[in-house]
Each structure stands twice: as structure tokens, then as C-alpha cells.
PDB file of N, CA and C in Angstrom:
ATOM      1  N   MET A   1     109.799  73.861 127.511  1.00  0.00           N
ATOM      2  CA  MET A   1     110.584  75.151 125.942  1.00  0.00           C
ATOM      3  C   MET A   1     111.889  75.400 126.001  1.00  0.00           C
ATOM      4  N   ALA A   2     112.384  76.297 127.176  1.00  0.00           N
ATOM      5  CA  ALA A   2     113.808  76.784 127.299  1.00  0.00           C
ATOM      6  C   ALA A   2     114.657  75.486 126.745  1.00  0.00           C
ATOM      7  N   GLU A   3     114.569  74.614 127.248  1.00  0.00           N
ATOM      8  CA  GLU A   3     115.239  73.546 126.735  1.00  0.00           C
ATOM      9  C   GLU A   3     115.324  72.992 125.457  1.00  0.00           C
ATOM     10  N   ALA A   4     114.224  73.055 124.768  1.00  0.00           N
ATOM     11  CA  ALA A   4     114.017  72.676 123.052  1.00  0.00           C
ATOM     12  C   ALA A   4     115.166  73.577 122.619  1.00  0.00           C
ATOM     13  N   GLN A   5     114.985  75.279 122.694  1.00  0.00           N
ATOM     14  CA  GLN A   5     115.664  76.091 122.432  1.00  0.00           C
ATOM     15  C   GLN A   5     116.876  76.217 122.312  1.00  0.00           C
ATOM     16  N   LYS A   6     117.476  75.871 123.490  1.00  0.00           N
ATOM     17  CA  LYS A   6     118.983  75.581 123.980  1.00  0.00           C
ATOM     18  C   LYS A   6     119.331  74.411 122.675  1.00  0.00           C
ATOM     19  N   ARG A   7     118.774  73.315 122.362  1.00  0.00           N
ATOM     20  CA  ARG A   7     119.583  72.348 121.797  1.00  0.00           C
ATOM     21  C   ARG A   7     119.374  72.709 120.248  1.00  0.00           C
ATOM     22  N   LEU A   8     118.373  73.864 120.024  1.00  0.00           N
ATOM     23  CA  LEU A   8     118.810  74.064 118.565  1.00  0.00           C
ATOM     24  C   LEU A   8     120.369  75.042 118.711  1.00  0.00           C
ATOM     25  N   SER A   9     120.607  74.868 117.759  1.00  0.00           N
ATOM     26  CA  SER A   9     121.996  75.934 117.197  1.00  0.00           C
ATOM     27  C   SER A   9     121.480  77.023 116.574  1.00  0.00           C
ATOM     28  N   HIS A  10     122.443  77.570 116.295  1.00  0.00           N
ATOM     29  CA  HIS A  10     122.134  78.955 115.164  1.00  0.00           C
ATOM     30  C   HIS A  10     122.113  78.619 113.607  1.00  0.00           C
ATOM     31  N   THR A  11     122.536  77.622 113.642  1.00  0.00           N
ATOM     32  CA  THR A  11     122.753  77.214 111.810  1.00  0.00           C
ATOM     33  C   THR A  11     121.318  76.528 112.116  1.00  0.00           C
ATOM     34  N   THR A  12     120.595  75.720 112.719  1.00  0.00           N
ATOM     35  CA  THR A  12     119.435  75.132 112.673  1.00  0.00           C
ATOM     36  C   THR A  12     117.942  75.956 112.278  1.00  0.00           C
ATOM     37  N   LEU A  13     118.564  77.013 113.013  1.00  0.00           N
ATOM     38  CA  LEU A  13     116.991  78.363 112.780  1.00  0.00           C
ATOM     39  C   LEU A  13     117.357  78.905 111.702  1.00  0.00           C
ATOM     40  N   LYS A  14     116.265  79.249 111.135  1.00  0.00           N
ATOM     41  CA  LYS A  14     116.310  80.063 109.473  1.00  0.00           C
ATOM     42  C   LYS A  14     116.443  81.569 109.821  1.00  0.00           C
ATOM     43  N   ARG A  15     117.060  81.556 108.908  1.00  0.00           N
ATOM     44  CA  ARG A  15     117.858  83.072 109.210  1.00  0.00           C
ATOM     45  C   ARG A  15     116.713  83.920 108.368  1.00  0.00           C
ATOM     46  N   ARG A  16     117.042  85.270 108.772  1.00  0.00           N
ATOM     47  CA  ARG A  16     115.864  86.175 108.056  1.00  0.00           C
ATOM     48  C   ARG A  16     116.538  86.223 106.729  1.00  0.00           C
ATOM     49  N   GLN A  17     115.431  86.635 106.166  1.00  0.00           N
ATOM     50  CA  GLN A  17     115.761  86.386 104.519  1.00  0.00           C
ATOM     51  C   GLN A  17     115.766  87.828 103.943  1.00  0.00           C
ATOM     52  N   ARG A  18     117.143  88.138 103.499  1.00  0.00           N
ATOM     53  CA  ARG A  18     117.509  89.569 103.459  1.00  0.00           C
ATOM     54  C   ARG A  18     116.747  89.807 102.009  1.00  0.00           C
ATOM     55  N   PHE A  19     116.718  91.136 101.053  1.00  0.00           N
ATOM     56  CA  PHE A  19     116.341  91.654 100.107  1.00  0.00           C
ATOM     57  C   PHE A  19     117.463  91.254  98.968  1.00  0.00           C
ATOM     58  N   HIS A  20     116.887  90.602  97.994  1.00  0.00           N
ATOM     59  CA  HIS A  20     118.135  90.443  96.915  1.00  0.00           C
ATOM     60  C   HIS A  20     117.355  90.575  95.414  1.00  0.00           C
ATOM     61  N   PRO A  21     117.786  91.826  95.119  1.00  0.00           N
ATOM     62  CA  PRO A  21     117.548  92.538  93.943  1.00  0.00           C
ATOM     63  C   PRO A  21     117.076  92.263  93.026  1.00  0.00           C
ATOM     64  N   LYS A  22     118.264  91.058  92.481  1.00  0.00           N
ATOM     65  CA  LYS A  22     118.050  90.229  91.173  1.00  0.00           C
ATOM     66  C   LYS A  22     116.612  88.984  91.020  1.00  0.00           C
ATOM     67  N   ARG A  23     116.440  88.733  93.123  1.00  0.00           N
ATOM     68  CA  ARG A  23     115.572  87.345  93.017  1.00  0.00           C
ATOM     69  C   ARG A  23     114.305  88.067  93.271  1.00  0.00           C
ATOM     70  N   ASP A  24     114.381  88.897  94.250  1.00  0.00           N
ATOM     71  CA  ASP A  24     112.760  89.096  94.602  1.00  0.00           C
ATOM     72  C   ASP A  24     112.381  90.609  94.488  1.00  0.00           C
ATOM     73  N   VAL A  25     111.103  90.415  94.588  1.00  0.00           N
ATOM     74  CA  VAL A  25     110.606  91.637  94.237  1.00  0.00           C
ATOM     75  C   VAL A  25     110.869  93.186  95.153  1.00  0.00           C
ATOM     76  N   ARG A  26     110.927  94.145  94.528  1.00  0.00           N
ATOM     77  CA  ARG A  26     111.110  95.447  95.361  1.00  0.00           C
ATOM     78  C   ARG A  26     110.225  95.584  96.635  1.00  0.00           C
ATOM     79  N   PRO A  27     110.974  96.327  97.552  1.00  0.00           N
ATOM     80  CA  PRO A  27     109.838  96.452  98.761  1.00  0.00           C
ATOM     81  C   PRO A  27     108.363  97.052  98.383  1.00  0.00           C
ATOM     82  N   ALA A  28     108.652  98.505  97.371  1.00  0.00           N
ATOM     83  CA  ALA A  28     108.125  99.387  97.181  1.00  0.00           C
ATOM     84  C   ALA A  28     107.272  98.788  96.748  1.00  0.00           C
ATOM     85  N   VAL A  29     107.112  97.532  95.865  1.00  0.00           N
ATOM     86  CA  VAL A  29     106.152  97.083  94.752  1.00  0.00           C
ATOM     87  C   VAL A  29     105.211  96.406  95.801  1.00  0.00           C
ATOM     88  N   LEU A  30     106.105  95.534  96.790  1.00  0.00           N
ATOM     89  CA  LEU A  30     105.306  94.849  97.775  1.00  0.00           C
ATOM     90  C   LEU A  30     104.306  96.025  98.848  1.00  0.00           C
ATOM     91  N   ALA A  31     104.770  96.926  99.211  1.00  0.00           N
ATOM     92  CA  ALA A  31     103.680  97.948 100.220  1.00  0.00           C
ATOM     93  C   ALA A  31     102.727  98.634  99.206  1.00  0.00           C
ATOM     94  N   LYS A  32     103.107  98.717  97.730  1.00  0.00           N
ATOM     95  CA  LYS A  32     101.959  99.068  96.963  1.00  0.00           C
ATOM     96  C   LYS A  32     100.872  97.820  96.992  1.00  0.00           C
ATOM     97  N   ALA A  33     101.025  96.631  96.807  1.00  0.00           N
ATOM     98  CA  ALA A  33     100.403  95.488  96.655  1.00  0.00           C
ATOM     99  C   ALA A  33      99.727  95.259  98.172  1.00  0.00           C
ATOM    100  N   ASN A  34     100.333  95.502  99.148  1.00  0.00           N
ATOM    101  CA  ASN A  34      99.871  95.791 100.630  1.00  0.00           C
ATOM    102  C   ASN A  34      98.529  96.817 100.452  1.00  0.00           C
ATOM    103  N   ARG A  35      99.191  97.946 100.045  1.00  0.00           N
ATOM    104  CA  ARG A  35      97.808  98.966 100.098  1.00  0.00           C
ATOM    105  C   ARG A  35      96.616  98.597  98.963  1.00  0.00           C
ATOM    106  N   LEU A  36      96.590  98.055  97.924  1.00  0.00           N
ATOM    107  CA  LEU A  36      95.796  97.797  97.339  1.00  0.00           C
ATOM    108  C   LEU A  36      94.989  96.857  97.644  1.00  0.00           C
ATOM    109  N   VAL A  37      95.450  95.336  98.284  1.00  0.00           N
ATOM    110  CA  VAL A  37      94.999  94.475  98.823  1.00  0.00           C
ATOM    111  C   VAL A  37      94.306  95.221 100.422  1.00  0.00           C
ATOM    112  N   ILE A  38      94.589  95.779 100.967  1.00  0.00           N
ATOM    113  CA  ILE A  38      93.749  96.313 102.398  1.00  0.00           C
ATOM    114  C   ILE A  38      92.644  97.559 101.543  1.00  0.00           C
ATOM    115  N   SER A  39      92.963  98.357 100.746  1.00  0.00           N
ATOM    116  CA  SER A  39      91.989  99.061 100.391  1.00  0.00           C
ATOM    117  C   SER A  39      90.708  98.018  99.861  1.00  0.00           C
ATOM    118  N   ALA A  40      91.209  96.951  98.876  1.00  0.00           N
ATOM    119  CA  ALA A  40      89.850  96.365  98.551  1.00  0.00           C
ATOM    120  C   ALA A  40      89.394  95.414  99.412  1.00  0.00           C
ATOM    121  N   ALA A  41      90.038  95.234 100.541  1.00  0.00           N
ATOM    122  CA  ALA A  41      89.385  94.627 101.786  1.00  0.00           C
ATOM    123  C   ALA A  41      88.498  95.543 102.251  1.00  0.00           C
ATOM    124  N   ALA A  42      88.544  96.969 102.622  1.00  0.00           N
ATOM    125  CA  ALA A  42      87.690  97.801 103.313  1.00  0.00           C
ATOM    126  C   ALA A  42      86.961  97.934 102.168  1.00  0.00           C
ATOM    127  N   PHE A  43      86.909  98.306 100.922  1.00  0.00           N
ATOM    128  CA  PHE A  43      85.627  98.500 100.520  1.00  0.00           C
ATOM    129  C   PHE A  43      84.906  97.208 100.260  1.00  0.00           C
ATOM    130  N   ILE A  44      85.241  96.090 100.399  1.00  0.00           N
ATOM    131  CA  ILE A  44      84.496  94.809 100.264  1.00  0.00           C
ATOM    132  C   ILE A  44      83.712  94.844 101.635  1.00  0.00           C
ATOM    133  N   GLY A  45      84.108  95.197 102.633  1.00  0.00           N
ATOM    134  CA  GLY A  45      84.149  95.025 104.197  1.00  0.00           C
ATOM    135  C   GLY A  45      82.563  96.459 104.242  1.00  0.00           C
ATOM    136  N   LEU A  46      82.998  97.132 103.778  1.00  0.00           N
ATOM    137  CA  LEU A  46      82.023  98.686 103.958  1.00  0.00           C
ATOM    138  C   LEU A  46      80.738  98.370 102.848  1.00  0.00           C
ATOM    139  N   SER A  47      80.739  97.621 101.743  1.00  0.00           N
ATOM    140  CA  SER A  47      79.939  97.661 100.910  1.00  0.00           C
ATOM    141  C   SER A  47      79.196  96.286 101.553  1.00  0.00           C
ATOM    142  N   PHE A  48      79.555  95.570 102.161  1.00  0.00           N
ATOM    143  CA  PHE A  48      78.743  94.848 102.999  1.00  0.00           C
ATOM    144  C   PHE A  48      77.846  94.769 104.604  1.00  0.00           C
ATOM    145  N   LEU A  49      78.619  95.928 104.916  1.00  0.00           N
ATOM    146  CA  LEU A  49      77.927  96.649 105.955  1.00  0.00           C
ATOM    147  C   LEU A  49      76.629  97.571 105.089  1.00  0.00           C
ATOM    148  N   ALA A  50      76.700  98.161 104.388  1.00  0.00           N
ATOM    149  CA  ALA A  50      76.071  99.004 103.778  1.00  0.00           C
ATOM    150  C   ALA A  50      74.726  98.696 103.045  1.00  0.00           C
ATOM    151  N   ILE A  51      75.132  97.190 102.662  1.00  0.00           N
ATOM    152  CA  ILE A  51      74.108  96.270 102.124  1.00  0.00           C
ATOM    153  C   ILE A  51      73.152  95.584 103.529  1.00  0.00           C
ATOM    154  N   VAL A  52      73.832  95.424 104.373  1.00  0.00           N
ATOM    155  CA  VAL A  52      73.017  94.820 105.485  1.00  0.00           C
ATOM    156  C   VAL A  52      72.273  96.229 106.028  1.00  0.00           C
ATOM    157  N   ILE A  53      72.741  97.030 106.277  1.00  0.00           N
ATOM    158  CA  ILE A  53      72.149  98.223 106.508  1.00  0.00           C
ATOM    159  C   ILE A  53      70.881  98.894 106.230  1.00  0.00           C
ATOM    160  N   LEU A  54      71.082  98.752 104.741  1.00  0.00           N
ATOM    161  CA  LEU A  54      70.033  98.820 103.647  1.00  0.00           C
ATOM    162  C   LEU A  54      69.101  97.981 104.012  1.00  0.00           C
ATOM    163  N   GLN A  55      69.256  96.664 103.882  1.00  0.00           N
ATOM    164  CA  GLN A  55      67.994  95.464 104.142  1.00  0.00           C
ATOM    165  C   GLN A  55      67.646  95.792 105.372  1.00  0.00           C
ATOM    166  N   ALA A  56      68.126  96.321 106.425  1.00  0.00           N
ATOM    167  CA  ALA A  56      67.949  96.386 107.928  1.00  0.00           C
ATOM    168  C   ALA A  56      66.589  97.557 107.857  1.00  0.00           C
ATOM    169  N   VAL A  57      67.024  98.658 106.985  1.00  0.00           N
ATOM    170  CA  VAL A  57      66.022 100.083 106.964  1.00  0.00           C
ATOM    171  C   VAL A  57      64.556  99.450 105.786  1.00  0.00           C
ATOM    172  N   LEU A  58      65.188  98.703 105.375  1.00  0.00           N
ATOM    173  CA  LEU A  58      63.989  98.525 103.785  1.00  0.00           C
ATOM    174  C   LEU A  58      63.079  97.604 104.396  1.00  0.00           C
ATOM    175  N   GLY A  59      63.463  96.626 105.221  1.00  0.00           N
ATOM    176  CA  GLY A  59      63.020  95.192 105.286  1.00  0.00           C
ATOM    177  C   GLY A  59      62.376  95.170 106.690  1.00  0.00           C
TER     178      GLY A  59
END
């Protein structure tokens, strides 16, 4: 594994993408979208658990 890394030059390794103001979405917008996705996933998960608990209590 170390030998394979030695063979690769620095130009072949993918460089870290920098923020480009005209091309990319602003980091604040991405952070807001991430929060929205996490809150939606949490809501769906809690709803699922609530339904399962409700069925266990009533059934």
C-alpha cells in the first residue's frame, strides 16, 4: 500500500477544491441545506418510532 502511494505524484492526486464565488454555492447556503436535511431526517425517524410505539401500545 505504501509503495502505491509513493508511485503517485502530487499532480495526479486530486487537489482539494476551493470555494469559487461565481461557480459554487456559498458555504452558508450549504450549511442551511444540511441543517434542513438533518432536521427532516430526524423528524421522519421520530415519526417512525412514534408509530411503532403507538402500534405496540395499542396492538
